[in-house]
Amino acid sequence: MNLTTAQEGKEYIIQRIETDDEELDAFLFSLGCYSGEPITVVSRRRGSCIVAIKDGRYNIDNQLAAAIIV
């Protein structure tokens, strides 16, 4: 399952990141988004969702959310 179908308010563990783009991989890693880390979908907006990773909250679009497998 990826973050686009994840339930709001529930904590998940990131299993892997599915992307062929190295820049996108590096960006997600800089946010603390990598395998084994907990992530929570805080809320959804049209075309994006707000996620909590470590001590931060980030607004990511649905394309990016689809690359994060939980």
C-alpha atoms as a PDB file:
ATOM      1  CA  MET A   1       0.000   0.000   0.000  1.00  0.00           C
ATOM      2  CA  ASN A   2       1.242   3.533  -0.645  1.00  0.00           C
ATOM      3  CA  LEU A   3       0.481   6.809   1.146  1.00  0.00           C
ATOM      4  CA  THR A   4      -2.323   7.771  -1.253  1.00  0.00           C
ATOM      5  CA  THR A   5      -4.457   4.990   0.251  1.00  0.00           C
ATOM      6  CA  ALA A   6      -3.181   5.235   3.839  1.00  0.00           C
ATOM      7  CA  GLN A   7      -5.629   6.078   6.605  1.00  0.00           C
ATOM      8  CA  GLU A   8      -5.380   9.528   8.202  1.00  0.00           C
ATOM      9  CA  GLY A   9      -4.021   9.613  11.745  1.00  0.00           C
ATOM     10  CA  LYS A  10      -2.580   6.089  11.670  1.00  0.00           C
ATOM     11  CA  GLU A  11       1.175   5.557  11.969  1.00  0.00           C
ATOM     12  CA  TYR A  12       2.811   3.385   9.318  1.00  0.00           C
ATOM     13  CA  ILE A  13       6.354   2.125   8.819  1.00  0.00           C
ATOM     14  CA  ILE A  14       7.948   2.964   5.457  1.00  0.00           C
ATOM     15  CA  GLN A  15       8.797  -0.275   3.645  1.00  0.00           C
ATOM     16  CA  ARG A  16      10.493   1.234   0.591  1.00  0.00           C
ATOM     17  CA  ILE A  17      10.574   4.144  -1.829  1.00  0.00           C
ATOM     18  CA  GLU A  18       9.626   3.276  -5.427  1.00  0.00           C
ATOM     19  CA  THR A  19      11.121   5.851  -7.752  1.00  0.00           C
ATOM     20  CA  ASP A  20      13.634   5.911 -10.601  1.00  0.00           C
ATOM     21  CA  ASP A  21      14.512   9.572  -9.962  1.00  0.00           C
ATOM     22  CA  GLU A  22      17.710   9.944  -7.904  1.00  0.00           C
ATOM     23  CA  GLU A  23      16.920  13.590  -7.038  1.00  0.00           C
ATOM     24  CA  LEU A  24      13.536  12.560  -5.665  1.00  0.00           C
ATOM     25  CA  ASP A  25      15.205   9.798  -3.648  1.00  0.00           C
ATOM     26  CA  ALA A  26      17.710  12.284  -2.214  1.00  0.00           C
ATOM     27  CA  PHE A  27      14.943  14.782  -1.403  1.00  0.00           C
ATOM     28  CA  LEU A  28      12.882  12.193   0.481  1.00  0.00           C
ATOM     29  CA  PHE A  29      15.977  11.010   2.337  1.00  0.00           C
ATOM     30  CA  SER A  30      16.704  14.606   3.403  1.00  0.00           C
ATOM     31  CA  LEU A  31      13.202  14.768   4.928  1.00  0.00           C
ATOM     32  CA  GLY A  32      13.907  11.593   6.901  1.00  0.00           C
ATOM     33  CA  CYS A  33      11.717   9.489   4.651  1.00  0.00           C
ATOM     34  CA  TYR A  34      13.447   6.119   4.210  1.00  0.00           C
ATOM     35  CA  SER A  35      12.847   2.428   4.970  1.00  0.00           C
ATOM     36  CA  GLY A  36      12.086   1.622   8.590  1.00  0.00           C
ATOM     37  CA  GLU A  37      10.973   5.134   9.580  1.00  0.00           C
ATOM     38  CA  PRO A  38       7.476   5.784  10.948  1.00  0.00           C
ATOM     39  CA  ILE A  39       5.226   8.116   8.934  1.00  0.00           C
ATOM     40  CA  THR A  40       1.712   9.423   9.583  1.00  0.00           C
ATOM     41  CA  VAL A  41      -0.764  10.986   7.153  1.00  0.00           C
ATOM     42  CA  VAL A  42      -2.055  13.975   9.115  1.00  0.00           C
ATOM     43  CA  SER A  43      -4.602  15.217   6.568  1.00  0.00           C
ATOM     44  CA  ARG A  44      -5.460  15.255   2.882  1.00  0.00           C
ATOM     45  CA  ARG A  45      -5.974  18.165   0.556  1.00  0.00           C
ATOM     46  CA  ARG A  46      -6.974  18.124  -3.081  1.00  0.00           C
ATOM     47  CA  GLY A  47      -3.952  16.742  -4.928  1.00  0.00           C
ATOM     48  CA  SER A  48      -1.716  16.451  -1.853  1.00  0.00           C
ATOM     49  CA  CYS A  49      -1.428  15.254   1.722  1.00  0.00           C
ATOM     50  CA  ILE A  50       0.276  16.446   4.888  1.00  0.00           C
ATOM     51  CA  VAL A  51       2.543  13.874   6.499  1.00  0.00           C
ATOM     52  CA  ALA A  52       4.429  13.777   9.794  1.00  0.00           C
ATOM     53  CA  ILE A  53       7.955  12.376   9.609  1.00  0.00           C
ATOM     54  CA  LYS A  54      10.157  12.515  12.710  1.00  0.00           C
ATOM     55  CA  ASP A  55       9.620  16.008  14.197  1.00  0.00           C
ATOM     56  CA  GLY A  56       8.367  17.701  11.019  1.00  0.00           C
ATOM     57  CA  ARG A  57       5.212  18.025   8.969  1.00  0.00           C
ATOM     58  CA  TYR A  58       5.417  18.220   5.199  1.00  0.00           C
ATOM     59  CA  ASN A  59       2.952  18.801   2.382  1.00  0.00           C
ATOM     60  CA  ILE A  60       3.647  16.321  -0.425  1.00  0.00           C
ATOM     61  CA  ASP A  61       1.765  15.866  -3.694  1.00  0.00           C
ATOM     62  CA  ASN A  62      -0.004  12.641  -4.625  1.00  0.00           C
ATOM     63  CA  GLN A  63       2.737  11.627  -7.089  1.00  0.00           C
ATOM     64  CA  LEU A  64       5.304  11.737  -4.292  1.00  0.00           C
ATOM     65  CA  ALA A  65       2.908  10.006  -1.890  1.00  0.00           C
ATOM     66  CA  ALA A  66       2.415   7.185  -4.400  1.00  0.00           C
ATOM     67  CA  ALA A  67       6.181   6.508  -4.369  1.00  0.00           C
ATOM     68  CA  ILE A  68       6.212   5.905  -0.598  1.00  0.00           C
ATOM     69  CA  ILE A  69       5.257   2.287   0.148  1.00  0.00           C
ATOM     70  CA  VAL A  70       4.104   1.514   3.697  1.00  0.00           C
END
